[in-house]
Amino acid sequence: MKKILLSTIFFFAVQIAFAQQMTTLTYFQNDTLKLDLDLFLPEKSDSKSKLPLVLYVHGGGFSGGERESGHSICKYLSGNGFATATITYTLYVKGKKFGCDGVLSDKIKAFQHGANDLWLATSFFIKNAKKYNIDPDKIFIAGSSAGAETVLHTAFWDFKTMNLYAKNTLPKDFKYAGLVSGAGAIMDLNLITEKNLIPMLFFHGSGDVTVPYGTAAHHLCKTNSSNWLMLFGSYSIYKHVMQMNGSVSLFTYCNGGHEYSGTLFEKDQSYILTFLNDILAGRKVKQHTIFKTGKKAPKEAESYGFCD
């Protein structure tokens, strides 16, 4: 009995060790910039079946954060049949002001550099699809906070207009298979159209005063602030997509703040897995899940009836 128990412990220890293995790769490098990613591949996969890929972008206000914060969700998804990677990207406002007293052009440039780096990572995997057994038609993007703002603009900005790297290319009419956004927002709802619409999963605290849950200024800045920028958050995008009869799922943490920006990436990860598998299976998702947090809404934040 003891031998069986020890063998069982050893087996699971080996499984865990394999699950934690990763490969660090450089996905872009020029004379001034070197960008790395951590790639996780399923331990066991059918080599005849190409893998769906999830690219994760960490948070940190475009001034901090590490790609290692994405290891948890990457390990979980790779253990469930996905290739996953968490990327380093340009922290454009590092050492600069990003709050209400910052410079508006810096904020927009931060979004743009983040989106371009994610496009570069996407191009890397499309070019190396055979090497890593990736299906280029099944590439998802995911991010938390600044990472969520990055993935939303990556998905819906016009590549030709916003691309910063002349040598970077994406296939004509390329679209991501879907995205996951934790407390993210986009500059303009009109960027999301019926033509470029993709399946999306959002999770967000309705009392977030950093990145708006609905429609409001970033950081709820006053209109005379030098860094004032209107943003459309998870709830506004959710309603917009529902009007277009798109596939969208929203998890609302009633009166919760920005601390919920990483919740589904760090725990309750099965919700993300279910969403990804539903999309891969061709199922349409239309869902709004409301979690009560017991918190009171900040005075500055908008009130929502379903959270009363």
C-alpha atoms as a PDB file:
ATOM      1  CA  MET A   1       0.000   0.000   0.000  1.00  0.00           C
ATOM      2  CA  LYS A   2       2.857   2.343   0.884  1.00  0.00           C
ATOM      3  CA  LYS A   3       4.536   1.631  -2.482  1.00  0.00           C
ATOM      4  CA  ILE A   4       1.327   2.450  -4.323  1.00  0.00           C
ATOM      5  CA  LEU A   5       0.952   5.687  -2.346  1.00  0.00           C
ATOM      6  CA  LEU A   6       4.550   6.710  -3.032  1.00  0.00           C
ATOM      7  CA  SER A   7       4.162   5.897  -6.719  1.00  0.00           C
ATOM      8  CA  THR A   8       1.020   8.002  -6.859  1.00  0.00           C
ATOM      9  CA  ILE A   9       2.758  10.948  -5.176  1.00  0.00           C
ATOM     10  CA  PHE A  10       5.690  10.615  -7.563  1.00  0.00           C
ATOM     11  CA  PHE A  11       3.366  10.502 -10.588  1.00  0.00           C
ATOM     12  CA  PHE A  12       1.588  13.712  -9.601  1.00  0.00           C
ATOM     13  CA  ALA A  13       4.897  15.393  -8.745  1.00  0.00           C
ATOM     14  CA  VAL A  14       6.156  14.594 -12.241  1.00  0.00           C
ATOM     15  CA  GLN A  15       2.908  15.883 -13.759  1.00  0.00           C
ATOM     16  CA  ILE A  16       3.239  19.160 -11.845  1.00  0.00           C
ATOM     17  CA  ALA A  17       6.889  19.491 -12.866  1.00  0.00           C
ATOM     18  CA  PHE A  18       5.948  19.046 -16.524  1.00  0.00           C
ATOM     19  CA  ALA A  19       3.112  21.554 -16.183  1.00  0.00           C
ATOM     20  CA  GLN A  20       5.557  24.151 -14.902  1.00  0.00           C
ATOM     21  CA  GLN A  21       8.007  23.767 -17.777  1.00  0.00           C
ATOM     22  CA  MET A  22       8.186  26.659 -20.186  1.00  0.00           C
ATOM     23  CA  THR A  23      10.331  28.054 -22.969  1.00  0.00           C
ATOM     24  CA  THR A  24      11.437  31.683 -23.084  1.00  0.00           C
ATOM     25  CA  LEU A  25      11.696  33.046 -26.626  1.00  0.00           C
ATOM     26  CA  THR A  26      12.565  36.371 -28.194  1.00  0.00           C
ATOM     27  CA  TYR A  27       9.688  37.282 -30.477  1.00  0.00           C
ATOM     28  CA  PHE A  28      11.113  40.588 -31.716  1.00  0.00           C
ATOM     29  CA  GLN A  29      14.477  42.310 -31.696  1.00  0.00           C
ATOM     30  CA  ASN A  30      16.003  45.304 -33.434  1.00  0.00           C
ATOM     31  CA  ASP A  31      18.814  47.730 -32.607  1.00  0.00           C
ATOM     32  CA  THR A  32      16.957  49.292 -29.677  1.00  0.00           C
ATOM     33  CA  LEU A  33      14.328  46.787 -28.558  1.00  0.00           C
ATOM     34  CA  LYS A  34      14.255  43.156 -27.428  1.00  0.00           C
ATOM     35  CA  LEU A  35      10.915  41.555 -26.549  1.00  0.00           C
ATOM     36  CA  ASP A  36      10.574  38.126 -24.943  1.00  0.00           C
ATOM     37  CA  LEU A  37       7.723  35.783 -24.140  1.00  0.00           C
ATOM     38  CA  ASP A  38       7.219  32.667 -22.049  1.00  0.00           C
ATOM     39  CA  LEU A  39       5.651  29.869 -24.070  1.00  0.00           C
ATOM     40  CA  PHE A  40       3.719  26.999 -22.487  1.00  0.00           C
ATOM     41  CA  LEU A  41       2.731  23.992 -24.581  1.00  0.00           C
ATOM     42  CA  PRO A  42       0.476  21.114 -23.544  1.00  0.00           C
ATOM     43  CA  GLU A  43       2.460  18.204 -22.163  1.00  0.00           C
ATOM     44  CA  LYS A  44       0.425  15.783 -24.222  1.00  0.00           C
ATOM     45  CA  SER A  45      -1.165  16.745 -27.507  1.00  0.00           C
ATOM     46  CA  ASP A  46      -2.118  15.087 -30.749  1.00  0.00           C
ATOM     47  CA  SER A  47       0.548  16.261 -33.172  1.00  0.00           C
ATOM     48  CA  LYS A  48      -1.987  15.902 -35.984  1.00  0.00           C
ATOM     49  CA  SER A  49      -4.262  18.488 -34.358  1.00  0.00           C
ATOM     50  CA  LYS A  50      -3.095  22.089 -34.435  1.00  0.00           C
ATOM     51  CA  LEU A  51      -3.245  23.946 -31.129  1.00  0.00           C
ATOM     52  CA  PRO A  52      -5.323  27.020 -30.336  1.00  0.00           C
ATOM     53  CA  LEU A  53      -3.121  29.792 -28.917  1.00  0.00           C
ATOM     54  CA  VAL A  54      -3.785  32.320 -26.151  1.00  0.00           C
ATOM     55  CA  LEU A  55      -1.496  35.371 -25.897  1.00  0.00           C
ATOM     56  CA  TYR A  56      -1.600  37.080 -22.484  1.00  0.00           C
ATOM     57  CA  VAL A  57      -0.688  40.729 -21.729  1.00  0.00           C
ATOM     58  CA  HIS A  58      -0.015  41.721 -18.111  1.00  0.00           C
ATOM     59  CA  GLY A  59      -1.251  44.831 -16.324  1.00  0.00           C
ATOM     60  CA  GLY A  60       0.730  47.590 -14.643  1.00  0.00           C
ATOM     61  CA  GLY A  61      -0.430  50.905 -16.075  1.00  0.00           C
ATOM     62  CA  PHE A  62       2.020  50.724 -19.005  1.00  0.00           C
ATOM     63  CA  SER A  63       4.778  51.568 -16.534  1.00  0.00           C
ATOM     64  CA  GLY A  64       5.325  48.315 -14.638  1.00  0.00           C
ATOM     65  CA  GLY A  65       4.320  44.707 -14.251  1.00  0.00           C
ATOM     66  CA  GLU A  66       5.974  41.498 -15.399  1.00  0.00           C
ATOM     67  CA  ARG A  67       5.028  38.800 -17.888  1.00  0.00           C
ATOM     68  CA  GLU A  68       5.429  36.259 -15.052  1.00  0.00           C
ATOM     69  CA  SER A  69       2.065  37.419 -13.701  1.00  0.00           C
ATOM     70  CA  GLY A  70       0.516  35.512 -16.595  1.00  0.00           C
ATOM     71  CA  HIS A  71       2.108  32.190 -15.667  1.00  0.00           C
ATOM     72  CA  SER A  72      -0.866  30.997 -13.638  1.00  0.00           C
ATOM     73  CA  ILE A  73      -3.464  31.306 -16.404  1.00  0.00           C
ATOM     74  CA  CYS A  74      -0.971  30.115 -19.030  1.00  0.00           C
ATOM     75  CA  LYS A  75      -0.186  26.948 -17.069  1.00  0.00           C
ATOM     76  CA  TYR A  76      -3.868  26.293 -16.457  1.00  0.00           C
ATOM     77  CA  LEU A  77      -4.852  26.655 -20.103  1.00  0.00           C
ATOM     78  CA  SER A  78      -1.846  24.719 -21.408  1.00  0.00           C
ATOM     79  CA  GLY A  79      -2.876  21.918 -19.074  1.00  0.00           C
ATOM     80  CA  ASN A  80      -6.213  21.949 -20.877  1.00  0.00           C
ATOM     81  CA  GLY A  81      -5.028  21.708 -24.464  1.00  0.00           C
ATOM     82  CA  PHE A  82      -4.009  25.269 -25.357  1.00  0.00           C
ATOM     83  CA  ALA A  83      -0.684  26.715 -26.383  1.00  0.00           C
ATOM     84  CA  THR A  84      -0.209  29.846 -24.285  1.00  0.00           C
ATOM     85  CA  ALA A  85       2.288  32.674 -24.031  1.00  0.00           C
ATOM     86  CA  THR A  86       2.698  35.661 -21.747  1.00  0.00           C
ATOM     87  CA  ILE A  87       4.608  38.555 -23.315  1.00  0.00           C
ATOM     88  CA  THR A  88       6.919  41.373 -22.374  1.00  0.00           C
ATOM     89  CA  TYR A  89       5.847  44.594 -24.092  1.00  0.00           C
ATOM     90  CA  THR A  90       6.845  48.259 -24.254  1.00  0.00           C
ATOM     91  CA  LEU A  91       6.100  50.124 -21.013  1.00  0.00           C
ATOM     92  CA  TYR A  92       5.834  53.452 -22.761  1.00  0.00           C
ATOM     93  CA  VAL A  93       4.949  55.598 -19.749  1.00  0.00           C
ATOM     94  CA  LYS A  94       7.540  54.148 -17.379  1.00  0.00           C
ATOM     95  CA  GLY A  95       8.942  57.164 -15.535  1.00  0.00           C
ATOM     96  CA  LYS A  96       6.144  59.363 -16.893  1.00  0.00           C
ATOM     97  CA  LYS A  97       2.812  60.465 -15.465  1.00  0.00           C
ATOM     98  CA  PHE A  98      -0.189  58.352 -16.474  1.00  0.00           C
ATOM     99  CA  GLY A  99      -2.807  59.895 -14.167  1.00  0.00           C
ATOM    100  CA  CYS A 100      -4.942  62.990 -14.707  1.00  0.00           C
ATOM    101  CA  ASP A 101      -1.894  65.285 -14.724  1.00  0.00           C
ATOM    102  CA  GLY A 102      -0.085  63.369 -17.449  1.00  0.00           C
ATOM    103  CA  VAL A 103       0.193  64.023 -21.174  1.00  0.00           C
ATOM    104  CA  LEU A 104      -2.672  62.745 -23.325  1.00  0.00           C
ATOM    105  CA  SER A 105      -0.474  61.868 -26.306  1.00  0.00           C
ATOM    106  CA  ASP A 106       1.638  59.640 -24.023  1.00  0.00           C
ATOM    107  CA  LYS A 107      -1.458  57.707 -22.971  1.00  0.00           C
ATOM    108  CA  ILE A 108      -2.486  57.061 -26.566  1.00  0.00           C
ATOM    109  CA  LYS A 109       1.094  56.145 -27.504  1.00  0.00           C
ATOM    110  CA  ALA A 110       1.152  53.665 -24.625  1.00  0.00           C
ATOM    111  CA  PHE A 111      -1.925  51.947 -26.081  1.00  0.00           C
ATOM    112  CA  GLN A 112      -0.358  52.005 -29.536  1.00  0.00           C
ATOM    113  CA  HIS A 113       2.999  50.533 -28.500  1.00  0.00           C
ATOM    114  CA  GLY A 114       1.271  47.804 -26.511  1.00  0.00           C
ATOM    115  CA  ALA A 115      -0.944  46.920 -29.474  1.00  0.00           C
ATOM    116  CA  ASN A 116       2.022  46.882 -31.831  1.00  0.00           C
ATOM    117  CA  ASP A 117       3.979  44.548 -29.596  1.00  0.00           C
ATOM    118  CA  LEU A 118       1.027  42.185 -29.442  1.00  0.00           C
ATOM    119  CA  TRP A 119       0.773  42.332 -33.238  1.00  0.00           C
ATOM    120  CA  LEU A 120       4.481  41.452 -33.369  1.00  0.00           C
ATOM    121  CA  ALA A 121       3.924  38.468 -31.078  1.00  0.00           C
ATOM    122  CA  THR A 122       0.992  37.397 -33.239  1.00  0.00           C
ATOM    123  CA  SER A 123       3.115  37.637 -36.387  1.00  0.00           C
ATOM    124  CA  PHE A 124       5.846  35.602 -34.696  1.00  0.00           C
ATOM    125  CA  PHE A 125       3.488  32.709 -34.041  1.00  0.00           C
ATOM    126  CA  ILE A 126       1.873  32.873 -37.457  1.00  0.00           C
ATOM    127  CA  LYS A 127       5.324  32.668 -39.070  1.00  0.00           C
ATOM    128  CA  ASN A 128       6.310  29.817 -36.716  1.00  0.00           C
ATOM    129  CA  ALA A 129       2.956  28.055 -36.710  1.00  0.00           C
ATOM    130  CA  LYS A 130       4.352  24.754 -38.012  1.00  0.00           C
ATOM    131  CA  LYS A 131       7.247  24.780 -35.548  1.00  0.00           C
ATOM    132  CA  TYR A 132       4.950  25.099 -32.531  1.00  0.00           C
ATOM    133  CA  ASN A 133       1.953  23.319 -34.082  1.00  0.00           C
ATOM    134  CA  ILE A 134      -0.224  26.446 -33.809  1.00  0.00           C
ATOM    135  CA  ASP A 135      -3.487  27.002 -35.674  1.00  0.00           C
ATOM    136  CA  PRO A 136      -3.260  30.603 -37.013  1.00  0.00           C
ATOM    137  CA  ASP A 137      -7.054  30.752 -37.243  1.00  0.00           C
ATOM    138  CA  LYS A 138      -7.430  30.074 -33.525  1.00  0.00           C
ATOM    139  CA  ILE A 139      -5.379  32.799 -31.858  1.00  0.00           C
ATOM    140  CA  PHE A 140      -6.984  34.406 -28.796  1.00  0.00           C
ATOM    141  CA  ILE A 141      -5.677  37.428 -26.890  1.00  0.00           C
ATOM    142  CA  ALA A 142      -6.177  38.178 -23.201  1.00  0.00           C
ATOM    143  CA  GLY A 143      -5.085  40.837 -20.772  1.00  0.00           C
ATOM    144  CA  SER A 144      -5.594  42.493 -17.410  1.00  0.00           C
ATOM    145  CA  SER A 145      -5.960  46.268 -16.830  1.00  0.00           C
ATOM    146  CA  ALA A 146      -3.380  47.910 -19.126  1.00  0.00           C
ATOM    147  CA  GLY A 147      -3.116  44.527 -20.810  1.00  0.00           C
ATOM    148  CA  ALA A 148      -6.874  44.524 -21.365  1.00  0.00           C
ATOM    149  CA  GLU A 149      -6.721  48.002 -22.902  1.00  0.00           C
ATOM    150  CA  THR A 150      -3.948  46.640 -25.103  1.00  0.00           C
ATOM    151  CA  VAL A 151      -5.878  43.610 -26.362  1.00  0.00           C
ATOM    152  CA  LEU A 152      -8.998  45.653 -27.121  1.00  0.00           C
ATOM    153  CA  HIS A 153      -7.096  48.147 -29.251  1.00  0.00           C
ATOM    154  CA  THR A 154      -5.065  45.350 -30.835  1.00  0.00           C
ATOM    155  CA  ALA A 155      -8.266  43.612 -31.922  1.00  0.00           C
ATOM    156  CA  PHE A 156     -10.103  46.654 -33.273  1.00  0.00           C
ATOM    157  CA  TRP A 157      -7.618  49.306 -34.368  1.00  0.00           C
ATOM    158  CA  ASP A 158      -6.884  49.374 -38.095  1.00  0.00           C
ATOM    159  CA  PHE A 159      -3.536  47.623 -38.488  1.00  0.00           C
ATOM    160  CA  LYS A 160      -2.380  49.635 -41.501  1.00  0.00           C
ATOM    161  CA  THR A 161      -3.115  52.927 -39.762  1.00  0.00           C
ATOM    162  CA  MET A 162      -1.639  52.145 -36.348  1.00  0.00           C
ATOM    163  CA  ASN A 163       1.253  49.831 -37.245  1.00  0.00           C
ATOM    164  CA  LEU A 164       4.653  51.225 -36.192  1.00  0.00           C
ATOM    165  CA  TYR A 165       6.911  48.575 -37.752  1.00  0.00           C
ATOM    166  CA  ALA A 166       7.275  48.616 -41.546  1.00  0.00           C
ATOM    167  CA  LYS A 167       8.498  45.002 -41.629  1.00  0.00           C
ATOM    168  CA  ASN A 168       5.633  43.664 -39.535  1.00  0.00           C
ATOM    169  CA  THR A 169       2.748  42.125 -41.454  1.00  0.00           C
ATOM    170  CA  LEU A 170      -0.423  40.211 -40.688  1.00  0.00           C
ATOM    171  CA  PRO A 171      -2.476  38.169 -43.147  1.00  0.00           C
ATOM    172  CA  LYS A 172      -5.073  40.124 -45.097  1.00  0.00           C
ATOM    173  CA  ASP A 173      -8.366  40.385 -43.189  1.00  0.00           C
ATOM    174  CA  PHE A 174      -6.789  38.701 -40.151  1.00  0.00           C
ATOM    175  CA  LYS A 175      -9.048  38.476 -37.101  1.00  0.00           C
ATOM    176  CA  TYR A 176      -8.393  37.067 -33.661  1.00  0.00           C
ATOM    177  CA  ALA A 177     -10.545  34.123 -32.641  1.00  0.00           C
ATOM    178  CA  GLY A 178     -11.650  36.027 -29.545  1.00  0.00           C
ATOM    179  CA  LEU A 179     -10.432  37.964 -26.526  1.00  0.00           C
ATOM    180  CA  VAL A 180     -10.615  38.038 -22.738  1.00  0.00           C
ATOM    181  CA  SER A 181     -10.501  41.435 -21.009  1.00  0.00           C
ATOM    182  CA  GLY A 182     -10.054  41.984 -17.277  1.00  0.00           C
ATOM    183  CA  ALA A 183     -11.078  45.568 -16.393  1.00  0.00           C
ATOM    184  CA  GLY A 184     -10.294  46.931 -19.823  1.00  0.00           C
ATOM    185  CA  ALA A 185     -11.680  49.709 -22.003  1.00  0.00           C
ATOM    186  CA  ILE A 186     -11.451  51.088 -25.523  1.00  0.00           C
ATOM    187  CA  MET A 187     -11.115  54.662 -26.807  1.00  0.00           C
ATOM    188  CA  ASP A 188     -14.004  54.505 -29.256  1.00  0.00           C
ATOM    189  CA  LEU A 189     -16.952  52.100 -29.438  1.00  0.00           C
ATOM    190  CA  ASN A 190     -17.196  52.842 -33.155  1.00  0.00           C
ATOM    191  CA  LEU A 191     -13.972  50.869 -33.632  1.00  0.00           C
ATOM    192  CA  ILE A 192     -16.035  47.726 -32.991  1.00  0.00           C
ATOM    193  CA  THR A 193     -18.199  46.988 -36.011  1.00  0.00           C
ATOM    194  CA  GLU A 194     -20.231  44.078 -37.330  1.00  0.00           C
ATOM    195  CA  LYS A 195     -17.437  43.431 -39.846  1.00  0.00           C
ATOM    196  CA  ASN A 196     -14.585  43.103 -37.333  1.00  0.00           C
ATOM    197  CA  LEU A 197     -16.615  41.757 -34.395  1.00  0.00           C
ATOM    198  CA  ILE A 198     -15.127  38.790 -32.515  1.00  0.00           C
ATOM    199  CA  PRO A 199     -16.285  36.826 -29.438  1.00  0.00           C
ATOM    200  CA  MET A 200     -15.378  38.515 -26.162  1.00  0.00           C
ATOM    201  CA  LEU A 201     -15.364  37.761 -22.451  1.00  0.00           C
ATOM    202  CA  PHE A 202     -15.203  40.646 -19.966  1.00  0.00           C
ATOM    203  CA  PHE A 203     -14.891  40.795 -16.200  1.00  0.00           C
ATOM    204  CA  HIS A 204     -14.891  44.084 -14.294  1.00  0.00           C
ATOM    205  CA  GLY A 205     -15.827  45.717 -11.002  1.00  0.00           C
ATOM    206  CA  SER A 206     -18.770  48.082 -11.504  1.00  0.00           C
ATOM    207  CA  GLY A 207     -17.199  50.536  -9.033  1.00  0.00           C
ATOM    208  CA  ASP A 208     -13.846  50.771 -10.820  1.00  0.00           C
ATOM    209  CA  VAL A 209     -12.565  54.377 -10.673  1.00  0.00           C
ATOM    210  CA  THR A 210      -9.339  53.640 -12.582  1.00  0.00           C
ATOM    211  CA  VAL A 211     -10.656  52.052 -15.772  1.00  0.00           C
ATOM    212  CA  PRO A 212     -14.385  52.768 -16.181  1.00  0.00           C
ATOM    213  CA  TYR A 213     -16.812  49.866 -16.117  1.00  0.00           C
ATOM    214  CA  GLY A 214     -19.245  51.900 -18.227  1.00  0.00           C
ATOM    215  CA  THR A 215     -18.463  55.117 -20.112  1.00  0.00           C
ATOM    216  CA  ALA A 216     -16.370  57.711 -18.314  1.00  0.00           C
ATOM    217  CA  ALA A 217     -12.999  59.425 -18.328  1.00  0.00           C
ATOM    218  CA  HIS A 218      -9.944  57.291 -17.632  1.00  0.00           C
ATOM    219  CA  HIS A 219      -9.190  57.567 -13.905  1.00  0.00           C
ATOM    220  CA  LEU A 220     -12.406  59.623 -13.758  1.00  0.00           C
ATOM    221  CA  CYS A 221     -10.315  62.700 -14.561  1.00  0.00           C
ATOM    222  CA  LYS A 222     -11.988  66.114 -14.564  1.00  0.00           C
ATOM    223  CA  THR A 223     -12.654  67.586 -17.991  1.00  0.00           C
ATOM    224  CA  ASN A 224      -9.929  70.222 -17.591  1.00  0.00           C
ATOM    225  CA  SER A 225      -7.238  67.608 -16.884  1.00  0.00           C
ATOM    226  CA  SER A 226      -4.260  67.484 -19.228  1.00  0.00           C
ATOM    227  CA  ASN A 227      -4.633  63.703 -19.552  1.00  0.00           C
ATOM    228  CA  TRP A 228      -8.425  63.586 -19.991  1.00  0.00           C
ATOM    229  CA  LEU A 229      -9.609  60.746 -22.220  1.00  0.00           C
ATOM    230  CA  MET A 230     -13.075  59.242 -22.490  1.00  0.00           C
ATOM    231  CA  LEU A 231     -13.074  55.447 -22.390  1.00  0.00           C
ATOM    232  CA  PHE A 232     -15.732  52.818 -22.976  1.00  0.00           C
ATOM    233  CA  GLY A 233     -15.445  50.005 -20.460  1.00  0.00           C
ATOM    234  CA  SER A 234     -16.679  46.441 -20.236  1.00  0.00           C
ATOM    235  CA  TYR A 235     -20.363  47.185 -19.667  1.00  0.00           C
ATOM    236  CA  SER A 236     -20.546  49.711 -22.504  1.00  0.00           C
ATOM    237  CA  ILE A 237     -18.811  47.308 -24.892  1.00  0.00           C
ATOM    238  CA  TYR A 238     -21.066  44.457 -23.732  1.00  0.00           C
ATOM    239  CA  LYS A 239     -24.206  46.468 -24.555  1.00  0.00           C
ATOM    240  CA  HIS A 240     -22.724  47.548 -27.894  1.00  0.00           C
ATOM    241  CA  VAL A 241     -21.970  43.949 -28.881  1.00  0.00           C
ATOM    242  CA  MET A 242     -25.374  42.735 -27.730  1.00  0.00           C
ATOM    243  CA  GLN A 243     -26.996  45.292 -30.051  1.00  0.00           C
ATOM    244  CA  MET A 244     -25.008  43.750 -32.903  1.00  0.00           C
ATOM    245  CA  ASN A 245     -26.093  40.249 -31.856  1.00  0.00           C
ATOM    246  CA  GLY A 246     -22.486  39.280 -31.196  1.00  0.00           C
ATOM    247  CA  SER A 247     -21.024  36.638 -28.922  1.00  0.00           C
ATOM    248  CA  VAL A 248     -20.196  38.225 -25.554  1.00  0.00           C
ATOM    249  CA  SER A 249     -19.945  37.280 -21.899  1.00  0.00           C
ATOM    250  CA  LEU A 250     -19.685  39.731 -18.985  1.00  0.00           C
ATOM    251  CA  PHE A 251     -18.879  38.996 -15.342  1.00  0.00           C
ATOM    252  CA  THR A 252     -19.741  41.954 -13.133  1.00  0.00           C
ATOM    253  CA  TYR A 253     -18.374  42.315  -9.585  1.00  0.00           C
ATOM    254  CA  CYS A 254     -20.916  44.663  -8.052  1.00  0.00           C
ATOM    255  CA  ASN A 255     -19.349  47.852  -6.655  1.00  0.00           C
ATOM    256  CA  GLY A 256     -15.920  46.240  -6.879  1.00  0.00           C
ATOM    257  CA  GLY A 257     -12.932  48.366  -7.834  1.00  0.00           C
ATOM    258  CA  HIS A 258      -9.890  47.846 -10.014  1.00  0.00           C
ATOM    259  CA  GLU A 259      -8.701  45.065  -7.716  1.00  0.00           C
ATOM    260  CA  TYR A 260     -10.883  42.691  -9.755  1.00  0.00           C
ATOM    261  CA  SER A 261      -8.843  43.246 -12.925  1.00  0.00           C
ATOM    262  CA  GLY A 262      -7.055  39.918 -12.577  1.00  0.00           C
ATOM    263  CA  THR A 263      -9.694  37.825 -10.815  1.00  0.00           C
ATOM    264  CA  LEU A 264     -10.505  35.272 -13.511  1.00  0.00           C
ATOM    265  CA  PHE A 265      -6.869  35.008 -14.552  1.00  0.00           C
ATOM    266  CA  GLU A 266      -5.810  34.204 -10.990  1.00  0.00           C
ATOM    267  CA  LYS A 267      -8.797  32.148  -9.786  1.00  0.00           C
ATOM    268  CA  ASP A 268     -12.081  30.833 -11.183  1.00  0.00           C
ATOM    269  CA  GLN A 269     -10.044  30.166 -14.326  1.00  0.00           C
ATOM    270  CA  SER A 270     -12.554  27.569 -15.490  1.00  0.00           C
ATOM    271  CA  TYR A 271     -14.851  30.388 -16.638  1.00  0.00           C
ATOM    272  CA  ILE A 272     -12.222  31.418 -19.182  1.00  0.00           C
ATOM    273  CA  LEU A 273     -11.658  27.834 -20.293  1.00  0.00           C
ATOM    274  CA  THR A 274     -15.395  27.312 -20.778  1.00  0.00           C
ATOM    275  CA  PHE A 275     -15.638  30.480 -22.868  1.00  0.00           C
ATOM    276  CA  LEU A 276     -12.693  29.496 -25.080  1.00  0.00           C
ATOM    277  CA  ASN A 277     -14.025  25.984 -25.606  1.00  0.00           C
ATOM    278  CA  ASP A 278     -17.500  27.318 -26.413  1.00  0.00           C
ATOM    279  CA  ILE A 279     -16.053  29.585 -29.099  1.00  0.00           C
ATOM    280  CA  LEU A 280     -13.898  26.811 -30.554  1.00  0.00           C
ATOM    281  CA  ALA A 281     -16.984  24.588 -30.690  1.00  0.00           C
ATOM    282  CA  GLY A 282     -18.877  27.266 -32.607  1.00  0.00           C
ATOM    283  CA  ARG A 283     -21.302  28.016 -29.791  1.00  0.00           C
ATOM    284  CA  LYS A 284     -22.633  31.539 -29.401  1.00  0.00           C
ATOM    285  CA  VAL A 285     -22.236  33.102 -25.971  1.00  0.00           C
ATOM    286  CA  LYS A 286     -24.630  35.709 -24.569  1.00  0.00           C
ATOM    287  CA  GLN A 287     -24.288  35.985 -20.837  1.00  0.00           C
ATOM    288  CA  HIS A 288     -24.149  38.507 -18.001  1.00  0.00           C
ATOM    289  CA  THR A 289     -23.155  37.005 -14.654  1.00  0.00           C
ATOM    290  CA  ILE A 290     -23.455  39.269 -11.598  1.00  0.00           C
ATOM    291  CA  PHE A 291     -21.458  38.651  -8.434  1.00  0.00           C
ATOM    292  CA  LYS A 292     -22.357  40.454  -5.225  1.00  0.00           C
ATOM    293  CA  THR A 293     -19.261  41.609  -3.358  1.00  0.00           C
ATOM    294  CA  GLY A 294     -20.840  43.233  -0.314  1.00  0.00           C
ATOM    295  CA  LYS A 295     -19.053  46.469  -1.168  1.00  0.00           C
ATOM    296  CA  LYS A 296     -20.544  49.924  -1.452  1.00  0.00           C
ATOM    297  CA  ALA A 297     -20.156  51.833  -4.700  1.00  0.00           C
ATOM    298  CA  PRO A 298     -17.606  54.676  -4.578  1.00  0.00           C
ATOM    299  CA  LYS A 299     -19.255  58.107  -4.712  1.00  0.00           C
ATOM    300  CA  GLU A 300     -17.433  58.922  -7.931  1.00  0.00           C
ATOM    301  CA  ALA A 301     -18.592  55.786  -9.725  1.00  0.00           C
ATOM    302  CA  GLU A 302     -21.853  55.405 -11.644  1.00  0.00           C
ATOM    303  CA  SER A 303     -24.596  53.368  -9.985  1.00  0.00           C
ATOM    304  CA  TYR A 304     -26.129  50.372 -11.756  1.00  0.00           C
ATOM    305  CA  GLY A 305     -29.580  49.092 -10.841  1.00  0.00           C
ATOM    306  CA  PHE A 306     -28.640  45.427 -11.038  1.00  0.00           C
ATOM    307  CA  CYS A 307     -26.051  46.018  -8.312  1.00  0.00           C
ATOM    308  CA  ASP A 308     -28.418  47.717  -5.828  1.00  0.00           C
END
